[in-house]
Amino acid sequence: MSAPGMLTSHYAPLTPIEIIDPLELIPRLKQSSHQRIGLLIGQPIESPLSSNITLECLSPTGNLVEMAANFFAALRRLDSHNLIAIYATPFPDRGLGRALNDRLERAAAKTTGI
């Protein structure tokens, strides 16, 4: 028997999620400049965003504990905005970051049908 947190769908919003390398993020946002996109990031980025981007920054200081505490609520808020997609950058691959990346990958797999 599986616990709900072990199921892929437990983490998945209805809005498709795409995990994007941070170096590719700004070019992808520019390509999507006329679409309603959600952006889920762990810490602030230094780039102006267009008005069609709905931003959820999980921690102003890059604190993994704060990111983990804010993750699901931020994902639910983005899902409620009638967006065509949510772009998310991966978390640092250490400690809680690994767990967050697992949740993010599960959510992305469910919304893309993988």
Protein backbone atom coordinates (compact mmCIF):
# COMPACT_ATOMS: atom_id res chain seq x y z
CA MET A 1 0.00 0.00 0.00
CA SER A 2 1.34 3.43 -0.94
CA ALA A 3 1.05 6.58 1.10
CA PRO A 4 -0.47 9.60 -0.73
CA GLY A 5 2.92 11.34 -0.84
CA MET A 6 4.34 8.41 -2.81
CA LEU A 7 1.84 8.89 -5.63
CA THR A 8 2.86 11.10 -8.53
CA SER A 9 -0.53 12.79 -8.69
CA HIS A 10 -0.34 13.89 -5.05
CA TYR A 11 1.93 16.78 -6.02
CA ALA A 12 0.52 17.68 -9.40
CA PRO A 13 -1.38 20.87 -10.18
CA LEU A 14 -3.65 21.01 -13.22
CA THR A 15 -1.37 23.54 -14.93
CA PRO A 16 1.50 21.89 -16.84
CA ILE A 17 4.89 22.31 -15.15
CA GLU A 18 8.18 22.46 -16.98
CA ILE A 19 11.46 22.29 -15.09
CA ILE A 20 13.92 24.70 -16.71
CA ASP A 21 17.64 25.10 -16.17
CA PRO A 22 18.24 28.53 -14.56
CA LEU A 23 20.56 29.50 -17.44
CA GLU A 24 17.74 28.91 -19.93
CA LEU A 25 15.05 30.62 -17.88
CA ILE A 26 15.31 34.21 -19.16
CA PRO A 27 15.42 33.21 -22.85
CA ARG A 28 12.39 30.94 -22.32
CA LEU A 29 10.47 33.72 -20.61
CA LYS A 30 11.26 36.05 -23.52
CA GLN A 31 9.97 33.42 -25.96
CA SER A 32 6.74 33.23 -23.96
CA SER A 33 6.36 36.98 -23.62
CA HIS A 34 2.73 37.02 -24.81
CA GLN A 35 1.53 34.03 -22.79
CA ARG A 36 0.36 33.80 -19.20
CA ILE A 37 3.16 31.92 -17.47
CA GLY A 38 3.77 31.08 -13.83
CA LEU A 39 7.29 31.11 -12.50
CA LEU A 40 8.25 29.05 -9.44
CA ILE A 41 11.75 29.85 -8.21
CA GLY A 42 13.61 29.14 -5.02
CA GLN A 43 15.24 32.54 -4.66
CA PRO A 44 15.04 35.92 -6.42
CA ILE A 45 16.39 36.42 -9.92
CA GLU A 46 17.92 39.60 -11.26
CA SER A 47 15.87 40.20 -14.36
CA PRO A 48 12.85 42.29 -15.16
CA LEU A 49 9.78 40.18 -15.81
CA SER A 50 6.94 41.00 -18.15
CA SER A 51 3.50 41.70 -16.73
CA ASN A 52 2.14 38.35 -17.92
CA ILE A 53 4.45 36.43 -15.54
CA THR A 54 2.99 35.35 -12.21
CA LEU A 55 5.96 34.94 -9.88
CA GLU A 56 6.27 32.77 -6.79
CA CYS A 57 9.64 33.12 -5.09
CA LEU A 58 9.92 30.62 -2.24
CA SER A 59 12.69 32.30 -0.24
CA PRO A 60 14.14 35.80 -0.57
CA THR A 61 17.35 34.54 1.05
CA GLY A 62 17.68 31.13 -0.65
CA ASN A 63 16.92 29.25 2.58
CA LEU A 64 15.96 25.64 1.82
CA VAL A 65 13.81 25.29 4.95
CA GLU A 66 11.81 28.36 3.91
CA MET A 67 11.55 27.04 0.33
CA ALA A 68 10.19 23.72 1.61
CA ALA A 69 7.68 25.45 3.87
CA ASN A 70 6.36 27.59 0.99
CA PHE A 71 6.50 25.05 -1.86
CA PHE A 72 3.00 23.53 -1.89
CA ALA A 73 1.12 26.74 -1.15
CA ALA A 74 3.01 28.52 -3.94
CA LEU A 75 2.26 25.71 -6.36
CA ARG A 76 -1.45 25.86 -5.48
CA ARG A 77 -1.50 29.65 -5.90
CA LEU A 78 0.09 29.41 -9.34
CA ASP A 79 -2.35 26.69 -10.32
CA SER A 80 -5.26 28.99 -9.44
CA HIS A 81 -4.20 31.73 -11.91
CA ASN A 82 -5.43 30.13 -15.15
CA LEU A 83 -1.92 29.99 -16.64
CA ILE A 84 -0.90 28.06 -19.73
CA ALA A 85 2.23 26.71 -17.99
CA ILE A 86 4.37 26.91 -14.88
CA TYR A 87 8.12 27.15 -15.36
CA ALA A 88 10.15 26.01 -12.36
CA THR A 89 13.86 26.02 -11.71
CA PRO A 90 15.37 23.08 -9.84
CA PHE A 91 16.48 23.41 -6.25
CA PRO A 92 20.06 22.95 -5.00
CA ASP A 93 20.88 19.24 -5.07
CA ARG A 94 21.51 18.87 -1.34
CA GLY A 95 19.46 18.21 1.79
CA LEU A 96 15.91 19.49 1.50
CA GLY A 97 16.67 20.56 -2.07
CA ARG A 98 16.75 16.90 -3.11
CA ALA A 99 13.33 16.30 -1.58
CA LEU A 100 11.95 19.44 -3.23
CA ASN A 101 13.34 18.37 -6.60
CA ASP A 102 11.63 15.00 -6.16
CA ARG A 103 8.28 16.71 -5.50
CA LEU A 104 8.82 19.06 -8.42
CA GLU A 105 9.73 16.20 -10.77
CA ARG A 106 6.64 14.24 -9.68
CA ALA A 107 4.42 17.25 -10.34
CA ALA A 108 6.01 17.88 -13.73
CA ALA A 109 5.78 14.21 -14.75
CA LYS A 110 2.08 14.12 -13.90
CA THR A 111 1.23 17.28 -15.81
CA THR A 112 3.20 16.24 -18.90
CA GLY A 113 1.90 12.68 -18.85
CA ILE A 114 5.30 11.03 -18.34
